[in-house]
């Protein structure tokens, strides 16, 4: 999957999107590569993924981690970052 918003001579960044549990099952894979414009945020990565049919299973505001740390949706991404969409965890 490559999403390339913007136009002209803008450089783009590539991020690796990791999916787990039901999200990986729905997507049919556990990893995607996204190409986004410079200055893109974790929220922009989620918006790009939401264009895929399987993403209807995502909650309105899923937990997101960037480079193994929980991150808000306004976290700016850099080239080579890893973004993970964290499914809800149940147990006791």
N, C-alpha and C. Protein backbone atom coordinates (compact mmCIF):
# COMPACT_ATOMS: atom_id res chain seq x y z
N UNK A 1 0.86 -1.16 0.00
CA UNK A 1 0.00 0.00 0.00
C UNK A 1 0.90 1.22 0.00
N UNK A 2 0.70 2.11 -0.92
CA UNK A 2 1.45 3.36 -0.94
C UNK A 2 0.45 4.50 -1.09
N UNK A 3 0.50 5.41 -0.16
CA UNK A 3 -0.37 6.58 -0.20
C UNK A 3 0.55 7.77 -0.37
N UNK A 4 0.37 8.52 -1.44
CA UNK A 4 1.25 9.65 -1.71
C UNK A 4 0.44 10.91 -1.92
N UNK A 5 -0.03 11.55 -0.83
CA UNK A 5 -0.72 12.83 -1.00
C UNK A 5 0.28 13.91 -1.40
N UNK A 6 -0.23 15.00 -1.87
CA UNK A 6 0.65 16.11 -2.24
C UNK A 6 1.05 16.01 -3.70
N UNK A 7 1.78 17.00 -4.14
CA UNK A 7 2.20 16.99 -5.52
C UNK A 7 3.50 17.75 -5.65
N UNK A 8 3.95 17.87 -6.86
CA UNK A 8 5.16 18.63 -7.12
C UNK A 8 6.40 17.87 -6.68
N UNK A 9 7.44 18.59 -6.31
CA UNK A 9 8.71 17.99 -5.98
C UNK A 9 8.87 17.65 -4.51
N UNK A 10 7.78 17.57 -3.77
CA UNK A 10 7.88 17.22 -2.36
C UNK A 10 8.56 15.87 -2.19
N UNK A 11 9.43 15.80 -1.20
CA UNK A 11 9.96 14.50 -0.82
C UNK A 11 8.91 13.81 0.02
N UNK A 12 8.91 12.52 0.00
CA UNK A 12 7.96 11.78 0.81
C UNK A 12 8.71 11.00 1.87
N UNK A 13 7.96 10.55 2.86
CA UNK A 13 8.53 9.69 3.89
C UNK A 13 7.86 8.33 3.78
N UNK A 14 8.57 7.32 4.18
CA UNK A 14 8.00 5.97 4.21
C UNK A 14 7.98 5.51 5.65
N UNK A 15 6.85 4.97 6.04
CA UNK A 15 6.73 4.41 7.39
C UNK A 15 6.21 2.98 7.28
N UNK A 16 6.58 2.19 8.24
CA UNK A 16 6.11 0.80 8.31
C UNK A 16 4.97 0.76 9.31
N UNK A 17 3.83 0.26 8.88
CA UNK A 17 2.65 0.17 9.74
C UNK A 17 2.51 -1.27 10.18
N UNK A 18 2.50 -1.50 11.48
CA UNK A 18 2.37 -2.84 12.04
C UNK A 18 0.94 -3.07 12.52
N UNK A 19 0.41 -4.23 12.24
CA UNK A 19 -0.94 -4.61 12.63
C UNK A 19 -0.87 -5.88 13.48
N UNK A 20 -1.75 -5.97 14.46
CA UNK A 20 -1.76 -7.11 15.37
C UNK A 20 -3.16 -7.68 15.50
N UNK A 21 -3.21 -8.94 15.89
CA UNK A 21 -4.45 -9.64 16.24
C UNK A 21 -5.52 -9.47 15.16
N UNK A 22 -6.73 -9.03 15.56
CA UNK A 22 -7.86 -8.93 14.63
C UNK A 22 -7.57 -7.97 13.47
N UNK A 23 -6.76 -6.95 13.70
CA UNK A 23 -6.45 -6.00 12.63
C UNK A 23 -5.60 -6.68 11.55
N UNK A 24 -4.63 -7.47 11.97
CA UNK A 24 -3.81 -8.21 11.00
C UNK A 24 -4.65 -9.24 10.25
N UNK A 25 -5.55 -9.90 10.95
CA UNK A 25 -6.44 -10.86 10.30
C UNK A 25 -7.31 -10.17 9.26
N UNK A 26 -7.88 -9.03 9.62
CA UNK A 26 -8.76 -8.31 8.70
C UNK A 26 -8.00 -7.84 7.46
N UNK A 27 -6.78 -7.38 7.65
CA UNK A 27 -5.98 -6.87 6.53
C UNK A 27 -5.35 -8.00 5.72
N UNK A 28 -5.26 -9.18 6.31
CA UNK A 28 -4.63 -10.30 5.62
C UNK A 28 -3.11 -10.23 5.64
N UNK A 29 -2.57 -9.39 6.51
CA UNK A 29 -1.11 -9.26 6.68
C UNK A 29 -0.85 -8.48 7.96
N UNK A 30 0.37 -8.55 8.42
CA UNK A 30 0.68 -7.88 9.68
C UNK A 30 1.52 -6.62 9.50
N UNK A 31 1.79 -6.27 8.27
CA UNK A 31 2.63 -5.10 8.03
C UNK A 31 2.28 -4.45 6.69
N UNK A 32 2.27 -3.13 6.67
CA UNK A 32 2.05 -2.36 5.45
C UNK A 32 3.11 -1.29 5.36
N UNK A 33 3.41 -0.85 4.17
CA UNK A 33 4.29 0.30 4.00
C UNK A 33 3.46 1.46 3.50
N UNK A 34 3.60 2.59 4.15
CA UNK A 34 2.89 3.80 3.73
C UNK A 34 3.89 4.82 3.24
N UNK A 35 3.56 5.52 2.18
CA UNK A 35 4.34 6.65 1.70
C UNK A 35 3.49 7.89 1.95
N UNK A 36 4.01 8.80 2.75
CA UNK A 36 3.26 9.98 3.19
C UNK A 36 4.07 11.24 2.92
N UNK A 37 3.43 12.39 2.92
CA UNK A 37 4.16 13.64 2.71
C UNK A 37 4.96 14.03 3.96
N UNK A 38 5.99 14.82 3.79
CA UNK A 38 6.74 15.31 4.94
C UNK A 38 5.80 16.03 5.91
N UNK A 39 6.04 15.86 7.20
CA UNK A 39 5.20 16.50 8.20
C UNK A 39 3.96 15.69 8.55
N UNK A 40 3.79 14.52 7.93
CA UNK A 40 2.63 13.67 8.23
C UNK A 40 2.69 13.23 9.68
N UNK A 41 1.51 13.02 10.24
CA UNK A 41 1.39 12.62 11.64
C UNK A 41 0.89 11.17 11.74
N UNK A 42 0.89 10.66 12.96
CA UNK A 42 0.32 9.33 13.20
C UNK A 42 -1.15 9.32 12.78
N UNK A 43 -1.86 10.41 13.02
CA UNK A 43 -3.26 10.53 12.60
C UNK A 43 -3.41 10.47 11.09
N UNK A 44 -2.46 11.06 10.37
CA UNK A 44 -2.48 11.00 8.90
C UNK A 44 -2.27 9.56 8.42
N UNK A 45 -1.40 8.82 9.10
CA UNK A 45 -1.19 7.42 8.75
C UNK A 45 -2.48 6.63 8.97
N UNK A 46 -3.17 6.88 10.07
CA UNK A 46 -4.45 6.21 10.32
C UNK A 46 -5.47 6.58 9.26
N UNK A 47 -5.51 7.84 8.88
CA UNK A 47 -6.46 8.28 7.85
C UNK A 47 -6.19 7.55 6.53
N UNK A 48 -4.92 7.37 6.19
CA UNK A 48 -4.56 6.66 4.97
C UNK A 48 -5.03 5.21 5.03
N UNK A 49 -4.86 4.58 6.17
CA UNK A 49 -5.27 3.19 6.34
C UNK A 49 -6.79 3.06 6.29
N UNK A 50 -7.49 4.03 6.83
CA UNK A 50 -8.96 3.98 6.86
C UNK A 50 -9.58 3.93 5.47
N UNK A 51 -8.85 4.25 4.45
CA UNK A 51 -9.37 4.17 3.08
C UNK A 51 -9.50 2.72 2.61
N UNK A 52 -8.89 1.81 3.33
CA UNK A 52 -8.95 0.38 2.99
C UNK A 52 -10.21 -0.22 3.60
N UNK A 53 -10.88 -1.10 2.87
CA UNK A 53 -12.13 -1.69 3.32
C UNK A 53 -12.04 -2.40 4.66
N UNK A 54 -10.94 -3.12 4.90
CA UNK A 54 -10.81 -3.87 6.15
C UNK A 54 -10.74 -2.96 7.36
N UNK A 55 -10.35 -1.71 7.17
CA UNK A 55 -10.13 -0.79 8.29
C UNK A 55 -11.42 -0.38 8.99
N UNK A 56 -12.57 -0.81 8.46
CA UNK A 56 -13.83 -0.53 9.15
C UNK A 56 -13.83 -1.16 10.55
N UNK A 57 -12.96 -2.14 10.77
CA UNK A 57 -12.87 -2.80 12.07
C UNK A 57 -12.13 -1.96 13.10
N UNK A 58 -11.45 -0.91 12.66
CA UNK A 58 -10.72 -0.07 13.60
C UNK A 58 -11.68 0.78 14.42
N UNK A 59 -11.42 0.95 15.71
CA UNK A 59 -12.25 1.84 16.51
C UNK A 59 -12.01 3.29 16.09
N UNK A 60 -12.87 4.21 16.50
CA UNK A 60 -12.70 5.62 16.11
C UNK A 60 -11.34 6.21 16.49
N UNK A 61 -10.84 5.84 17.65
CA UNK A 61 -9.54 6.36 18.10
C UNK A 61 -8.68 5.23 18.66
N UNK A 62 -8.10 4.42 17.78
CA UNK A 62 -7.30 3.31 18.28
C UNK A 62 -6.01 3.81 18.93
N UNK A 63 -5.49 3.00 19.84
CA UNK A 63 -4.19 3.32 20.43
C UNK A 63 -3.13 3.14 19.35
N UNK A 64 -2.17 4.05 19.34
CA UNK A 64 -1.11 4.03 18.34
C UNK A 64 0.23 4.15 19.04
N UNK A 65 1.21 3.43 18.54
CA UNK A 65 2.58 3.56 19.02
C UNK A 65 3.47 3.94 17.85
N UNK A 66 4.43 4.78 18.11
CA UNK A 66 5.44 5.15 17.11
C UNK A 66 6.79 4.76 17.68
N UNK A 67 7.47 3.91 16.97
CA UNK A 67 8.78 3.43 17.42
C UNK A 67 8.73 2.86 18.83
N UNK A 68 7.72 2.01 19.06
CA UNK A 68 7.55 1.25 20.29
C UNK A 68 7.10 2.08 21.50
N UNK A 69 6.64 3.31 21.28
CA UNK A 69 6.13 4.14 22.38
C UNK A 69 4.75 4.65 22.01
N UNK A 70 3.82 4.57 22.97
CA UNK A 70 2.50 5.12 22.70
C UNK A 70 2.64 6.57 22.27
N UNK A 71 1.82 6.98 21.32
CA UNK A 71 1.95 8.32 20.75
C UNK A 71 0.56 8.91 20.47
N UNK A 72 0.44 10.23 20.59
CA UNK A 72 -0.82 10.89 20.23
C UNK A 72 -0.93 10.98 18.71
N UNK A 73 -2.13 11.25 18.24
CA UNK A 73 -2.35 11.30 16.78
C UNK A 73 -1.61 12.46 16.12
N UNK A 74 -1.23 13.48 16.90
CA UNK A 74 -0.51 14.61 16.28
C UNK A 74 1.00 14.43 16.28
N UNK A 75 1.47 13.25 16.63
CA UNK A 75 2.91 12.97 16.61
C UNK A 75 3.40 12.98 15.18
N UNK A 76 4.35 13.84 14.87
CA UNK A 76 4.91 13.95 13.51
C UNK A 76 5.82 12.74 13.26
N UNK A 77 5.66 12.16 12.09
CA UNK A 77 6.43 10.98 11.71
C UNK A 77 7.66 11.36 10.91
N UNK A 78 8.66 10.53 11.00
CA UNK A 78 9.87 10.70 10.21
C UNK A 78 10.07 9.50 9.31
N UNK A 79 10.90 9.67 8.31
CA UNK A 79 11.19 8.59 7.37
C UNK A 79 11.74 7.39 8.13
N UNK A 80 11.17 6.22 7.88
CA UNK A 80 11.63 4.99 8.51
C UNK A 80 10.97 4.67 9.84
N UNK A 81 10.08 5.53 10.31
CA UNK A 81 9.40 5.25 11.58
C UNK A 81 8.52 4.02 11.46
N UNK A 82 8.28 3.38 12.60
CA UNK A 82 7.36 2.26 12.68
C UNK A 82 6.14 2.72 13.46
N UNK A 83 4.97 2.56 12.86
CA UNK A 83 3.70 2.93 13.48
C UNK A 83 2.93 1.63 13.73
N UNK A 84 2.47 1.44 14.95
CA UNK A 84 1.69 0.25 15.28
C UNK A 84 0.31 0.67 15.73
N UNK A 85 -0.70 -0.03 15.23
CA UNK A 85 -2.06 0.18 15.68
C UNK A 85 -2.33 -0.93 16.70
N UNK A 86 -2.59 -0.51 17.93
CA UNK A 86 -2.70 -1.44 19.05
C UNK A 86 -4.15 -1.84 19.27
N UNK A 87 -4.46 -3.12 19.16
CA UNK A 87 -5.85 -3.55 19.41
C UNK A 87 -6.16 -3.51 20.90
N UNK A 88 -7.45 -3.45 21.25
CA UNK A 88 -7.81 -3.48 22.66
C UNK A 88 -7.39 -4.82 23.27
N UNK A 89 -7.01 -4.78 24.53
CA UNK A 89 -6.56 -5.98 25.22
C UNK A 89 -7.54 -6.28 26.33
N UNK A 90 -7.97 -7.51 26.40
CA UNK A 90 -8.89 -7.92 27.47
C UNK A 90 -8.19 -8.98 28.32
N UNK A 91 -8.63 -9.11 29.48
CA UNK A 91 -8.06 -10.13 30.35
C UNK A 91 -8.27 -9.75 31.80
N UNK A 92 -7.74 -10.53 32.65
CA UNK A 92 -7.94 -10.19 34.04
C UNK A 92 -7.11 -10.95 34.98
